[in-house]
Amino acid sequence: MGLFDFFTQEIAIDLGTANTLIIHNDKVVVDEPSIVAVERGSGKVIAVGKKAMQMHGKTHEEIKTVRPLKDGVIADFQAAEYMIRGMIKMINHNKKRFFSPSLKMVICIPSGITEVEKRAVKDSAEHAGGKEVYLIHEPMAAAIGIGIDVLEPMGNMIIDIGGGTSEIAVIALGGIVCDKSIRVAGDDFTNDIVDYMRRQHNLLIGERSAEKIKIEVGSAMPKLENPPEDYAIQGRDLMTGTPKEIKVSYEEIAHALDKSITKIEAAILNALEMTPPELSADIYRTGLYLAGGGSLLRGLDKRISQKTKLPVHVAEDPLRAVARGTGIALKHSSKLPFLIK
């Protein structure tokens, strides 16, 4: 296997709207924002991942930053290919190789994806050097990453709130019994915060600043047991046009995010309605599992629990649950019936 391993490299990719993670040899070797910086004239890629993120919102007219994925699917085919290629290079940059190994990949995709969108993911991976490409649905990867035995005849509901989509799926016997995929997730929370600051405080802030607010004082409920301290944010005053700083509290952010969270709750209830009765009985016993970056929002698990009257468990390290599951699926790719070739 040693020699064969030298010629073939096995990688699992969690291709997300906000972040892309790559697992190689059971370790997360790349964890970067899903963004590329490109020179406008030549189309040359200047930076990928964190370096491109530092340029986001600060570029001059010669450079543009592109987020290749929108709502969980590839919106810019060429940029996606550059991004995957650039991130694969990050794995090998320490190793001196005389040739590039052929790649076997497992990539996770949203469950509500169309055939055309599926094809775009596969083509991008193949153009970036993938010889053998498998696809796995995100809720399935999240369930495996959480540690659920997905092949058992036991119903489990997974709620994966990512950057572009929220995936809600009931899994049993190695398949998705019913699922609901909505394009309301972390990016919408960020946009809600930008809108709220503009409406309420006449302050124009960028996407990165809104993301910081979401992390520091983001909340799904207006009353928390141990609330975070108010957070100071800087932006441009829309009345005077000058830079200004204000402090925001978690209650304000809970109010700003309420509409988007209500949509996610409605989708969860909708998925529960579609669930066959025997699986509903299992879910009543096991509860709901939350994964994805969106599940880190303070009080979200409590809010969903109050709405559904069911216990809600947040995955350990929810940001990497899908990537972990994709890595496990890669190791057992020959045995798993739900991998899409």
C-alpha atoms as a PDB file:
ATOM      1  CA  MET A   1       0.000   0.000   0.000  1.00  0.00           C
ATOM      2  CA  GLY A   2       2.979   2.313   0.701  1.00  0.00           C
ATOM      3  CA  LEU A   3       4.026   2.547  -2.953  1.00  0.00           C
ATOM      4  CA  PHE A   4       0.436   2.798  -4.178  1.00  0.00           C
ATOM      5  CA  ASP A   5      -0.177   5.530  -1.613  1.00  0.00           C
ATOM      6  CA  PHE A   6       2.687   7.489  -3.150  1.00  0.00           C
ATOM      7  CA  PHE A   7       0.883   7.549  -6.505  1.00  0.00           C
ATOM      8  CA  THR A   8      -2.636   8.130  -5.123  1.00  0.00           C
ATOM      9  CA  GLN A   9      -3.696  10.719  -2.619  1.00  0.00           C
ATOM     10  CA  GLU A  10      -7.032  10.332  -0.846  1.00  0.00           C
ATOM     11  CA  ILE A  11      -8.716  13.522   0.316  1.00  0.00           C
ATOM     12  CA  ALA A  12     -12.125  14.419   1.724  1.00  0.00           C
ATOM     13  CA  ILE A  13     -13.444  17.903   0.955  1.00  0.00           C
ATOM     14  CA  ASP A  14     -16.176  19.787   2.784  1.00  0.00           C
ATOM     15  CA  LEU A  15     -16.837  22.379   0.084  1.00  0.00           C
ATOM     16  CA  GLY A  16     -18.759  25.032   1.995  1.00  0.00           C
ATOM     17  CA  THR A  17     -20.163  28.443   1.086  1.00  0.00           C
ATOM     18  CA  ALA A  18     -18.205  30.093   3.913  1.00  0.00           C
ATOM     19  CA  ASN A  19     -15.318  27.675   4.616  1.00  0.00           C
ATOM     20  CA  THR A  20     -13.675  24.757   2.843  1.00  0.00           C
ATOM     21  CA  LEU A  21     -12.050  21.978   4.847  1.00  0.00           C
ATOM     22  CA  ILE A  22      -9.830  19.233   3.480  1.00  0.00           C
ATOM     23  CA  ILE A  23      -9.072  16.037   5.380  1.00  0.00           C
ATOM     24  CA  HIS A  24      -6.052  13.908   4.500  1.00  0.00           C
ATOM     25  CA  ASN A  25      -4.847  10.917   6.566  1.00  0.00           C
ATOM     26  CA  ASP A  26      -7.636  11.531   9.157  1.00  0.00           C
ATOM     27  CA  LYS A  27      -6.375  15.061   9.852  1.00  0.00           C
ATOM     28  CA  VAL A  28      -7.825  18.427   8.876  1.00  0.00           C
ATOM     29  CA  VAL A  29      -4.971  19.750   6.740  1.00  0.00           C
ATOM     30  CA  VAL A  30      -6.766  22.754   5.205  1.00  0.00           C
ATOM     31  CA  ASP A  31      -9.364  24.960   6.892  1.00  0.00           C
ATOM     32  CA  GLU A  32      -9.740  28.126   4.840  1.00  0.00           C
ATOM     33  CA  PRO A  33     -12.481  30.611   3.866  1.00  0.00           C
ATOM     34  CA  SER A  34     -14.062  29.766   0.472  1.00  0.00           C
ATOM     35  CA  ILE A  35     -12.811  32.802  -1.412  1.00  0.00           C
ATOM     36  CA  VAL A  36     -10.289  33.668  -4.135  1.00  0.00           C
ATOM     37  CA  ALA A  37      -8.689  36.982  -5.149  1.00  0.00           C
ATOM     38  CA  VAL A  38      -8.268  37.448  -8.897  1.00  0.00           C
ATOM     39  CA  GLU A  39      -6.562  40.065 -11.082  1.00  0.00           C
ATOM     40  CA  ARG A  40      -9.289  41.617 -13.235  1.00  0.00           C
ATOM     41  CA  GLY A  41      -7.300  42.055 -16.433  1.00  0.00           C
ATOM     42  CA  SER A  42      -5.411  38.771 -16.675  1.00  0.00           C
ATOM     43  CA  GLY A  43      -7.726  36.592 -14.575  1.00  0.00           C
ATOM     44  CA  LYS A  44      -4.636  35.421 -12.638  1.00  0.00           C
ATOM     45  CA  VAL A  45      -5.300  34.088  -9.121  1.00  0.00           C
ATOM     46  CA  ILE A  46      -3.451  36.185  -6.541  1.00  0.00           C
ATOM     47  CA  ALA A  47      -4.615  34.549  -3.322  1.00  0.00           C
ATOM     48  CA  VAL A  48      -6.812  31.731  -2.034  1.00  0.00           C
ATOM     49  CA  GLY A  49      -8.441  31.284   1.385  1.00  0.00           C
ATOM     50  CA  LYS A  50      -7.296  33.374   4.376  1.00  0.00           C
ATOM     51  CA  LYS A  51      -5.051  35.657   2.288  1.00  0.00           C
ATOM     52  CA  ALA A  52      -7.935  36.394  -0.107  1.00  0.00           C
ATOM     53  CA  MET A  53     -10.281  36.951   2.873  1.00  0.00           C
ATOM     54  CA  GLN A  54      -7.941  39.654   4.219  1.00  0.00           C
ATOM     55  CA  MET A  55      -8.374  41.472   0.888  1.00  0.00           C
ATOM     56  CA  HIS A  56     -12.193  41.094   0.859  1.00  0.00           C
ATOM     57  CA  GLY A  57     -13.884  44.500   0.942  1.00  0.00           C
ATOM     58  CA  LYS A  58     -10.532  46.303   0.704  1.00  0.00           C
ATOM     59  CA  THR A  59      -9.535  45.827  -2.949  1.00  0.00           C
ATOM     60  CA  HIS A  60      -8.822  48.429  -5.637  1.00  0.00           C
ATOM     61  CA  GLU A  61     -10.249  48.160  -9.152  1.00  0.00           C
ATOM     62  CA  GLU A  62      -7.452  45.897 -10.467  1.00  0.00           C
ATOM     63  CA  ILE A  63      -8.301  43.113  -7.997  1.00  0.00           C
ATOM     64  CA  LYS A  64     -11.624  41.430  -7.228  1.00  0.00           C
ATOM     65  CA  THR A  65     -12.461  38.887  -4.569  1.00  0.00           C
ATOM     66  CA  VAL A  66     -14.818  36.084  -5.596  1.00  0.00           C
ATOM     67  CA  ARG A  67     -16.748  33.656  -3.439  1.00  0.00           C
ATOM     68  CA  PRO A  68     -17.240  30.739  -5.869  1.00  0.00           C
ATOM     69  CA  LEU A  69     -20.096  29.161  -3.891  1.00  0.00           C
ATOM     70  CA  LYS A  70     -23.472  30.716  -3.278  1.00  0.00           C
ATOM     71  CA  ASP A  71     -26.241  29.000  -1.296  1.00  0.00           C
ATOM     72  CA  GLY A  72     -24.162  25.840  -1.011  1.00  0.00           C
ATOM     73  CA  VAL A  73     -23.669  25.389  -4.758  1.00  0.00           C
ATOM     74  CA  ILE A  74     -21.065  26.513  -7.286  1.00  0.00           C
ATOM     75  CA  ALA A  75     -21.954  29.922  -8.718  1.00  0.00           C
ATOM     76  CA  ASP A  76     -18.617  30.639 -10.433  1.00  0.00           C
ATOM     77  CA  PHE A  77     -17.255  27.495 -12.070  1.00  0.00           C
ATOM     78  CA  GLN A  78     -13.783  28.800 -12.928  1.00  0.00           C
ATOM     79  CA  ALA A  79     -13.191  30.398  -9.518  1.00  0.00           C
ATOM     80  CA  ALA A  80     -14.299  27.158  -7.821  1.00  0.00           C
ATOM     81  CA  GLU A  81     -11.765  25.196  -9.842  1.00  0.00           C
ATOM     82  CA  TYR A  82      -8.981  27.673  -8.950  1.00  0.00           C
ATOM     83  CA  MET A  83      -9.982  27.493  -5.305  1.00  0.00           C
ATOM     84  CA  ILE A  84     -10.012  23.666  -5.109  1.00  0.00           C
ATOM     85  CA  ARG A  85      -6.694  23.511  -6.984  1.00  0.00           C
ATOM     86  CA  GLY A  86      -5.127  26.152  -4.699  1.00  0.00           C
ATOM     87  CA  MET A  87      -6.288  24.388  -1.547  1.00  0.00           C
ATOM     88  CA  ILE A  88      -5.052  20.989  -2.742  1.00  0.00           C
ATOM     89  CA  LYS A  89      -1.632  22.626  -3.324  1.00  0.00           C
ATOM     90  CA  MET A  90      -1.658  23.679   0.359  1.00  0.00           C
ATOM     91  CA  ILE A  91      -1.623  19.987   1.383  1.00  0.00           C
ATOM     92  CA  ASN A  92       1.479  19.215  -0.652  1.00  0.00           C
ATOM     93  CA  HIS A  93       3.446  22.439  -0.261  1.00  0.00           C
ATOM     94  CA  ASN A  94       5.774  20.903   2.378  1.00  0.00           C
ATOM     95  CA  LYS A  95       6.332  17.675   0.448  1.00  0.00           C
ATOM     96  CA  LYS A  96       8.830  17.566  -2.399  1.00  0.00           C
ATOM     97  CA  ARG A  97       7.273  15.484  -5.175  1.00  0.00           C
ATOM     98  CA  PHE A  98       8.503  15.033  -8.727  1.00  0.00           C
ATOM     99  CA  PHE A  99       4.937  14.552  -9.999  1.00  0.00           C
ATOM    100  CA  SER A 100       1.468  15.260  -8.729  1.00  0.00           C
ATOM    101  CA  PRO A 101      -0.332  12.181  -7.396  1.00  0.00           C
ATOM    102  CA  SER A 102      -3.715  11.150  -8.773  1.00  0.00           C
ATOM    103  CA  LEU A 103      -6.479  12.172  -6.407  1.00  0.00           C
ATOM    104  CA  LYS A 104      -9.330  10.174  -4.992  1.00  0.00           C
ATOM    105  CA  MET A 105     -11.886  12.598  -3.505  1.00  0.00           C
ATOM    106  CA  VAL A 106     -15.090  12.492  -1.526  1.00  0.00           C
ATOM    107  CA  ILE A 107     -16.897  15.850  -1.644  1.00  0.00           C
ATOM    108  CA  CYS A 108     -20.028  16.714   0.284  1.00  0.00           C
ATOM    109  CA  ILE A 109     -22.974  18.459  -1.382  1.00  0.00           C
ATOM    110  CA  PRO A 110     -26.310  19.893  -0.123  1.00  0.00           C
ATOM    111  CA  SER A 111     -29.193  17.419  -0.145  1.00  0.00           C
ATOM    112  CA  GLY A 112     -31.442  19.780  -2.147  1.00  0.00           C
ATOM    113  CA  ILE A 113     -28.963  20.075  -5.023  1.00  0.00           C
ATOM    114  CA  THR A 114     -30.071  19.677  -8.668  1.00  0.00           C
ATOM    115  CA  GLU A 115     -28.398  17.339 -11.197  1.00  0.00           C
ATOM    116  CA  VAL A 116     -26.819  20.337 -12.987  1.00  0.00           C
ATOM    117  CA  GLU A 117     -25.353  21.676  -9.718  1.00  0.00           C
ATOM    118  CA  LYS A 118     -24.093  18.165  -8.866  1.00  0.00           C
ATOM    119  CA  ARG A 119     -22.387  17.977 -12.265  1.00  0.00           C
ATOM    120  CA  ALA A 120     -20.713  21.367 -11.638  1.00  0.00           C
ATOM    121  CA  VAL A 121     -19.158  20.112  -8.379  1.00  0.00           C
ATOM    122  CA  LYS A 122     -17.927  16.931 -10.058  1.00  0.00           C
ATOM    123  CA  ASP A 123     -16.499  18.772 -13.076  1.00  0.00           C
ATOM    124  CA  SER A 124     -14.703  21.315 -10.863  1.00  0.00           C
ATOM    125  CA  ALA A 125     -13.129  18.490  -8.841  1.00  0.00           C
ATOM    126  CA  GLU A 126     -12.082  16.593 -11.985  1.00  0.00           C
ATOM    127  CA  HIS A 127     -10.564  19.729 -13.560  1.00  0.00           C
ATOM    128  CA  ALA A 128      -8.649  20.311 -10.304  1.00  0.00           C
ATOM    129  CA  GLY A 129      -7.027  16.873 -10.650  1.00  0.00           C
ATOM    130  CA  GLY A 130      -9.556  14.416  -9.210  1.00  0.00           C
ATOM    131  CA  LYS A 131      -9.315  11.008 -10.916  1.00  0.00           C
ATOM    132  CA  GLU A 132     -11.944   9.304  -8.751  1.00  0.00           C
ATOM    133  CA  VAL A 133     -14.649  11.609  -7.394  1.00  0.00           C
ATOM    134  CA  TYR A 134     -17.437  10.562  -5.028  1.00  0.00           C
ATOM    135  CA  LEU A 135     -20.174  12.796  -3.635  1.00  0.00           C
ATOM    136  CA  ILE A 136     -21.945  12.537  -0.277  1.00  0.00           C
ATOM    137  CA  HIS A 137     -24.937  14.521   0.985  1.00  0.00           C
ATOM    138  CA  GLU A 138     -24.119  16.990   3.780  1.00  0.00           C
ATOM    139  CA  PRO A 139     -26.658  15.722   6.382  1.00  0.00           C
ATOM    140  CA  MET A 140     -25.346  12.182   5.885  1.00  0.00           C
ATOM    141  CA  ALA A 141     -21.729  13.363   6.342  1.00  0.00           C
ATOM    142  CA  ALA A 142     -22.775  15.379   9.427  1.00  0.00           C
ATOM    143  CA  ALA A 143     -24.502  12.319  10.952  1.00  0.00           C
ATOM    144  CA  ILE A 144     -21.374  10.184  10.428  1.00  0.00           C
ATOM    145  CA  GLY A 145     -19.200  12.984  11.856  1.00  0.00           C
ATOM    146  CA  ILE A 146     -21.397  13.270  14.964  1.00  0.00           C
ATOM    147  CA  GLY A 147     -20.883   9.547  15.562  1.00  0.00           C
ATOM    148  CA  ILE A 148     -24.304   8.176  14.610  1.00  0.00           C
ATOM    149  CA  ASP A 149     -24.447   4.684  13.104  1.00  0.00           C
ATOM    150  CA  VAL A 150     -26.295   5.653   9.920  1.00  0.00           C
ATOM    151  CA  LEU A 151     -26.730   2.067   8.716  1.00  0.00           C
ATOM    152  CA  GLU A 152     -28.928   1.109  11.717  1.00  0.00           C
ATOM    153  CA  PRO A 153     -32.747   0.880  11.318  1.00  0.00           C
ATOM    154  CA  MET A 154     -33.088   3.840  13.677  1.00  0.00           C
ATOM    155  CA  GLY A 155     -34.341   7.294  12.731  1.00  0.00           C
ATOM    156  CA  ASN A 156     -32.157  10.332  13.468  1.00  0.00           C
ATOM    157  CA  MET A 157     -32.811  13.932  12.502  1.00  0.00           C
ATOM    158  CA  ILE A 158     -29.808  16.044  11.565  1.00  0.00           C
ATOM    159  CA  ILE A 159     -29.956  19.835  11.226  1.00  0.00           C
ATOM    160  CA  ASP A 160     -26.860  21.189   9.479  1.00  0.00           C
ATOM    161  CA  ILE A 161     -26.788  24.994   9.427  1.00  0.00           C
ATOM    162  CA  GLY A 162     -23.916  26.036   7.181  1.00  0.00           C
ATOM    163  CA  GLY A 163     -22.993  29.277   5.429  1.00  0.00           C
ATOM    164  CA  GLY A 164     -25.327  29.066   2.425  1.00  0.00           C
ATOM    165  CA  THR A 165     -27.900  26.387   3.242  1.00  0.00           C
ATOM    166  CA  SER A 166     -29.624  24.769   6.200  1.00  0.00           C
ATOM    167  CA  GLU A 167     -30.064  21.051   5.649  1.00  0.00           C
ATOM    168  CA  ILE A 168     -32.632  19.151   7.667  1.00  0.00           C
ATOM    169  CA  ALA A 169     -32.780  15.403   7.074  1.00  0.00           C
ATOM    170  CA  VAL A 170     -34.118  12.238   8.673  1.00  0.00           C
ATOM    171  CA  ILE A 171     -31.632   9.396   8.228  1.00  0.00           C
ATOM    172  CA  ALA A 172     -32.211   5.652   8.629  1.00  0.00           C
ATOM    173  CA  LEU A 173     -30.720   2.488   7.095  1.00  0.00           C
ATOM    174  CA  GLY A 174     -27.935   4.392   5.332  1.00  0.00           C
ATOM    175  CA  GLY A 175     -30.281   6.673   3.400  1.00  0.00           C
ATOM    176  CA  ILE A 176     -32.096   9.987   3.653  1.00  0.00           C
ATOM    177  CA  VAL A 177     -35.777   9.235   4.266  1.00  0.00           C
ATOM    178  CA  CYS A 178     -36.988  12.818   4.006  1.00  0.00           C
ATOM    179  CA  ASP A 179     -35.156  16.083   3.802  1.00  0.00           C
ATOM    180  CA  LYS A 180     -35.703  19.804   3.626  1.00  0.00           C
ATOM    181  CA  SER A 181     -33.012  22.095   2.280  1.00  0.00           C
ATOM    182  CA  ILE A 182     -33.513  25.844   2.604  1.00  0.00           C
ATOM    183  CA  ARG A 183     -31.234  28.612   1.450  1.00  0.00           C
ATOM    184  CA  VAL A 184     -31.330  30.455   4.766  1.00  0.00           C
ATOM    185  CA  ALA A 185     -28.170  30.065   6.861  1.00  0.00           C
ATOM    186  CA  GLY A 186     -25.068  31.837   8.214  1.00  0.00           C
ATOM    187  CA  ASP A 187     -24.718  34.249   5.287  1.00  0.00           C
ATOM    188  CA  ASP A 188     -28.300  35.409   5.811  1.00  0.00           C
ATOM    189  CA  PHE A 189     -27.553  36.024   9.502  1.00  0.00           C
ATOM    190  CA  THR A 190     -24.607  38.205   8.424  1.00  0.00           C
ATOM    191  CA  ASN A 191     -26.772  40.157   5.931  1.00  0.00           C
ATOM    192  CA  ASP A 192     -29.473  40.616   8.594  1.00  0.00           C
ATOM    193  CA  ILE A 193     -26.883  42.230  10.875  1.00  0.00           C
ATOM    194  CA  VAL A 194     -25.674  44.576   8.077  1.00  0.00           C
ATOM    195  CA  ASP A 195     -29.310  45.637   7.371  1.00  0.00           C
ATOM    196  CA  TYR A 196     -30.095  46.096  11.060  1.00  0.00           C
ATOM    197  CA  MET A 197     -27.045  48.328  11.664  1.00  0.00           C
ATOM    198  CA  ARG A 198     -27.980  50.445   8.657  1.00  0.00           C
ATOM    199  CA  ARG A 199     -31.641  50.795   9.652  1.00  0.00           C
ATOM    200  CA  GLN A 200     -31.258  51.129  13.404  1.00  0.00           C
ATOM    201  CA  HIS A 201     -27.961  52.961  13.838  1.00  0.00           C
ATOM    202  CA  ASN A 202     -27.391  54.604  10.426  1.00  0.00           C
ATOM    203  CA  LEU A 203     -24.072  52.763  10.370  1.00  0.00           C
ATOM    204  CA  LEU A 204     -22.734  51.105   7.246  1.00  0.00           C
ATOM    205  CA  ILE A 205     -20.595  48.079   8.058  1.00  0.00           C
ATOM    206  CA  GLY A 206     -18.928  45.467   5.850  1.00  0.00           C
ATOM    207  CA  GLU A 207     -19.503  41.737   5.656  1.00  0.00           C
ATOM    208  CA  ARG A 208     -16.413  40.929   7.734  1.00  0.00           C
ATOM    209  CA  SER A 209     -17.483  43.320  10.528  1.00  0.00           C
ATOM    210  CA  ALA A 210     -20.981  41.778  10.555  1.00  0.00           C
ATOM    211  CA  GLU A 211     -19.378  38.327  10.803  1.00  0.00           C
ATOM    212  CA  LYS A 212     -17.387  39.527  13.848  1.00  0.00           C
ATOM    213  CA  ILE A 213     -20.577  40.811  15.511  1.00  0.00           C
ATOM    214  CA  LYS A 214     -22.255  37.442  14.851  1.00  0.00           C
ATOM    215  CA  ILE A 215     -19.379  35.579  16.524  1.00  0.00           C
ATOM    216  CA  GLU A 216     -18.928  37.953  19.471  1.00  0.00           C
ATOM    217  CA  VAL A 217     -22.555  38.798  20.411  1.00  0.00           C
ATOM    218  CA  GLY A 218     -24.736  36.697  18.079  1.00  0.00           C
ATOM    219  CA  SER A 219     -27.757  35.209  19.824  1.00  0.00           C
ATOM    220  CA  ALA A 220     -30.957  33.388  18.885  1.00  0.00           C
ATOM    221  CA  MET A 221     -32.763  34.442  22.078  1.00  0.00           C
ATOM    222  CA  PRO A 222     -33.207  37.861  23.704  1.00  0.00           C
ATOM    223  CA  LYS A 223     -32.647  36.359  27.193  1.00  0.00           C
ATOM    224  CA  LEU A 224     -29.506  34.321  27.846  1.00  0.00           C
ATOM    225  CA  GLU A 225     -28.252  32.823  31.115  1.00  0.00           C
ATOM    226  CA  ASN A 226     -24.644  34.018  30.732  1.00  0.00           C
ATOM    227  CA  PRO A 227     -24.799  36.809  28.153  1.00  0.00           C
ATOM    228  CA  PRO A 228     -21.752  38.154  26.277  1.00  0.00           C
ATOM    229  CA  GLU A 229     -20.604  41.722  26.902  1.00  0.00           C
ATOM    230  CA  ASP A 230     -21.584  44.486  24.473  1.00  0.00           C
ATOM    231  CA  TYR A 231     -19.323  44.659  21.444  1.00  0.00           C
ATOM    232  CA  ALA A 232     -17.820  47.826  19.924  1.00  0.00           C
ATOM    233  CA  ILE A 233     -18.073  48.021  16.139  1.00  0.00           C
ATOM    234  CA  GLN A 234     -16.763  50.621  13.700  1.00  0.00           C
ATOM    235  CA  GLY A 235     -18.253  51.655  10.371  1.00  0.00           C
ATOM    236  CA  ARG A 236     -19.284  54.643   8.293  1.00  0.00           C
ATOM    237  CA  ASP A 237     -21.941  57.011   9.622  1.00  0.00           C
ATOM    238  CA  LEU A 238     -24.546  57.356   6.856  1.00  0.00           C
ATOM    239  CA  MET A 239     -25.592  60.848   8.055  1.00  0.00           C
ATOM    240  CA  THR A 240     -22.152  62.471   8.141  1.00  0.00           C
ATOM    241  CA  GLY A 241     -20.076  60.076   6.004  1.00  0.00           C
ATOM    242  CA  THR A 242     -17.355  59.893   8.701  1.00  0.00           C
ATOM    243  CA  PRO A 243     -16.112  56.790  10.538  1.00  0.00           C
ATOM    244  CA  LYS A 244     -17.955  56.089  13.795  1.00  0.00           C
ATOM    245  CA  GLU A 245     -17.978  53.489  16.604  1.00  0.00           C
ATOM    246  CA  ILE A 246     -21.002  52.174  18.486  1.00  0.00           C
ATOM    247  CA  LYS A 247     -21.641  49.350  20.966  1.00  0.00           C
ATOM    248  CA  VAL A 248     -24.128  46.580  20.197  1.00  0.00           C
ATOM    249  CA  SER A 249     -25.731  44.166  22.636  1.00  0.00           C
ATOM    250  CA  TYR A 250     -26.722  40.525  22.106  1.00  0.00           C
ATOM    251  CA  GLU A 251     -30.432  41.470  22.572  1.00  0.00           C
ATOM    252  CA  GLU A 252     -30.260  43.710  19.506  1.00  0.00           C
ATOM    253  CA  ILE A 253     -28.649  40.964  17.437  1.00  0.00           C
ATOM    254  CA  ALA A 254     -31.263  38.424  18.619  1.00  0.00           C
ATOM    255  CA  HIS A 255     -33.911  40.848  17.349  1.00  0.00           C
ATOM    256  CA  ALA A 256     -32.047  41.288  14.021  1.00  0.00           C
ATOM    257  CA  LEU A 257     -31.740  37.520  13.421  1.00  0.00           C
ATOM    258  CA  ASP A 258     -35.258  36.595  14.516  1.00  0.00           C
ATOM    259  CA  LYS A 259     -36.806  36.478  11.022  1.00  0.00           C
ATOM    260  CA  SER A 260     -34.173  34.135   9.538  1.00  0.00           C
ATOM    261  CA  ILE A 261     -34.218  31.815  12.560  1.00  0.00           C
ATOM    262  CA  THR A 262     -38.030  31.614  12.325  1.00  0.00           C
ATOM    263  CA  LYS A 263     -37.640  30.366   8.712  1.00  0.00           C
ATOM    264  CA  ILE A 264     -35.245  27.625   9.889  1.00  0.00           C
ATOM    265  CA  GLU A 265     -37.708  26.627  12.642  1.00  0.00           C
ATOM    266  CA  ALA A 266     -40.522  26.411  10.073  1.00  0.00           C
ATOM    267  CA  ALA A 267     -38.365  24.141   7.876  1.00  0.00           C
ATOM    268  CA  ILE A 268     -37.613  21.860  10.864  1.00  0.00           C
ATOM    269  CA  LEU A 269     -41.334  21.564  11.665  1.00  0.00           C
ATOM    270  CA  ASN A 270     -42.032  20.878   7.985  1.00  0.00           C
ATOM    271  CA  ALA A 271     -39.444  18.061   7.941  1.00  0.00           C
ATOM    272  CA  LEU A 272     -40.952  16.592  11.140  1.00  0.00           C
ATOM    273  CA  GLU A 273     -44.387  16.611   9.459  1.00  0.00           C
ATOM    274  CA  MET A 274     -43.014  14.604   6.500  1.00  0.00           C
ATOM    275  CA  THR A 275     -41.377  11.981   8.750  1.00  0.00           C
ATOM    276  CA  PRO A 276     -42.981   8.497   8.755  1.00  0.00           C
ATOM    277  CA  PRO A 277     -44.584   7.663  12.148  1.00  0.00           C
ATOM    278  CA  GLU A 278     -42.132   4.892  13.122  1.00  0.00           C
ATOM    279  CA  LEU A 279     -39.201   7.231  12.582  1.00  0.00           C
ATOM    280  CA  SER A 280     -41.018  10.013  14.470  1.00  0.00           C
ATOM    281  CA  ALA A 281     -41.115   7.659  17.467  1.00  0.00           C
ATOM    282  CA  ASP A 282     -37.315   7.186  17.186  1.00  0.00           C
ATOM    283  CA  ILE A 283     -36.723  10.954  16.913  1.00  0.00           C
ATOM    284  CA  TYR A 284     -38.852  11.520  20.014  1.00  0.00           C
ATOM    285  CA  ARG A 285     -36.416   9.266  21.901  1.00  0.00           C
ATOM    286  CA  THR A 286     -33.145  10.426  20.335  1.00  0.00           C
ATOM    287  CA  GLY A 287     -33.892  14.140  19.810  1.00  0.00           C
ATOM    288  CA  LEU A 288     -32.445  16.413  17.154  1.00  0.00           C
ATOM    289  CA  TYR A 289     -28.761  16.829  16.279  1.00  0.00           C
ATOM    290  CA  LEU A 290     -27.337  20.236  15.345  1.00  0.00           C
ATOM    291  CA  ALA A 291     -24.180  20.626  13.237  1.00  0.00           C
ATOM    292  CA  GLY A 292     -22.547  23.303  11.093  1.00  0.00           C
ATOM    293  CA  GLY A 293     -21.232  26.735  12.035  1.00  0.00           C
ATOM    294  CA  GLY A 294     -24.754  28.151  12.469  1.00  0.00           C
ATOM    295  CA  SER A 295     -25.360  25.856  15.440  1.00  0.00           C
ATOM    296  CA  LEU A 296     -22.721  27.825  17.410  1.00  0.00           C
ATOM    297  CA  LEU A 297     -25.197  30.723  17.664  1.00  0.00           C
ATOM    298  CA  ARG A 298     -25.919  31.254  21.361  1.00  0.00           C
ATOM    299  CA  GLY A 299     -29.283  29.897  22.516  1.00  0.00           C
ATOM    300  CA  LEU A 300     -30.201  28.357  19.143  1.00  0.00           C
ATOM    301  CA  ASP A 301     -30.414  24.814  20.542  1.00  0.00           C
ATOM    302  CA  LYS A 302     -32.687  26.047  23.368  1.00  0.00           C
ATOM    303  CA  ARG A 303     -34.907  27.949  20.961  1.00  0.00           C
ATOM    304  CA  ILE A 304     -35.347  24.948  18.628  1.00  0.00           C
ATOM    305  CA  SER A 305     -35.990  22.719  21.660  1.00  0.00           C
ATOM    306  CA  GLN A 306     -38.760  25.064  22.888  1.00  0.00           C
ATOM    307  CA  LYS A 307     -40.311  25.144  19.419  1.00  0.00           C
ATOM    308  CA  THR A 308     -40.263  21.379  18.760  1.00  0.00           C
ATOM    309  CA  LYS A 309     -40.625  20.169  22.412  1.00  0.00           C
ATOM    310  CA  LEU A 310     -37.738  17.761  21.668  1.00  0.00           C
ATOM    311  CA  PRO A 311     -34.232  17.514  23.126  1.00  0.00           C
ATOM    312  CA  VAL A 312     -31.574  19.167  20.915  1.00  0.00           C
ATOM    313  CA  HIS A 313     -27.925  18.048  20.959  1.00  0.00           C
ATOM    314  CA  VAL A 314     -25.171  20.234  19.484  1.00  0.00           C
ATOM    315  CA  ALA A 315     -22.368  18.206  17.858  1.00  0.00           C
ATOM    316  CA  GLU A 316     -18.918  18.318  19.355  1.00  0.00           C
ATOM    317  CA  ASP A 317     -16.923  20.813  17.234  1.00  0.00           C
ATOM    318  CA  PRO A 318     -19.950  21.434  14.946  1.00  0.00           C
ATOM    319  CA  LEU A 319     -17.895  23.396  12.383  1.00  0.00           C
ATOM    320  CA  ARG A 320     -15.943  20.252  11.507  1.00  0.00           C
ATOM    321  CA  ALA A 321     -18.671  17.609  11.912  1.00  0.00           C
ATOM    322  CA  VAL A 322     -19.390  17.445   8.157  1.00  0.00           C
ATOM    323  CA  ALA A 323     -15.673  17.321   7.293  1.00  0.00           C
ATOM    324  CA  ARG A 324     -15.068  14.550   9.856  1.00  0.00           C
ATOM    325  CA  GLY A 325     -17.962  12.527   8.407  1.00  0.00           C
ATOM    326  CA  THR A 326     -16.660  13.043   4.863  1.00  0.00           C
ATOM    327  CA  GLY A 327     -13.240  11.786   6.007  1.00  0.00           C
ATOM    328  CA  ILE A 328     -14.782   8.635   7.538  1.00  0.00           C
ATOM    329  CA  ALA A 329     -16.825   8.065   4.346  1.00  0.00           C
ATOM    330  CA  LEU A 330     -13.591   8.304   2.317  1.00  0.00           C
ATOM    331  CA  LYS A 331     -11.970   5.520   4.383  1.00  0.00           C
ATOM    332  CA  HIS A 332     -14.956   3.221   3.833  1.00  0.00           C
ATOM    333  CA  SER A 333     -15.840   4.375   0.311  1.00  0.00           C
ATOM    334  CA  SER A 334     -16.033   0.830  -1.090  1.00  0.00           C
ATOM    335  CA  LYS A 335     -18.574  -0.316   1.558  1.00  0.00           C
ATOM    336  CA  LEU A 336     -20.953   2.627   1.815  1.00  0.00           C
ATOM    337  CA  PRO A 337     -24.103   2.415  -0.332  1.00  0.00           C
ATOM    338  CA  PHE A 338     -24.969   6.128  -0.170  1.00  0.00           C
ATOM    339  CA  LEU A 339     -21.844   7.541  -1.873  1.00  0.00           C
ATOM    340  CA  ILE A 340     -22.704   8.938  -5.300  1.00  0.00           C
ATOM    341  CA  LYS A 341     -20.179   8.007  -7.987  1.00  0.00           C
END
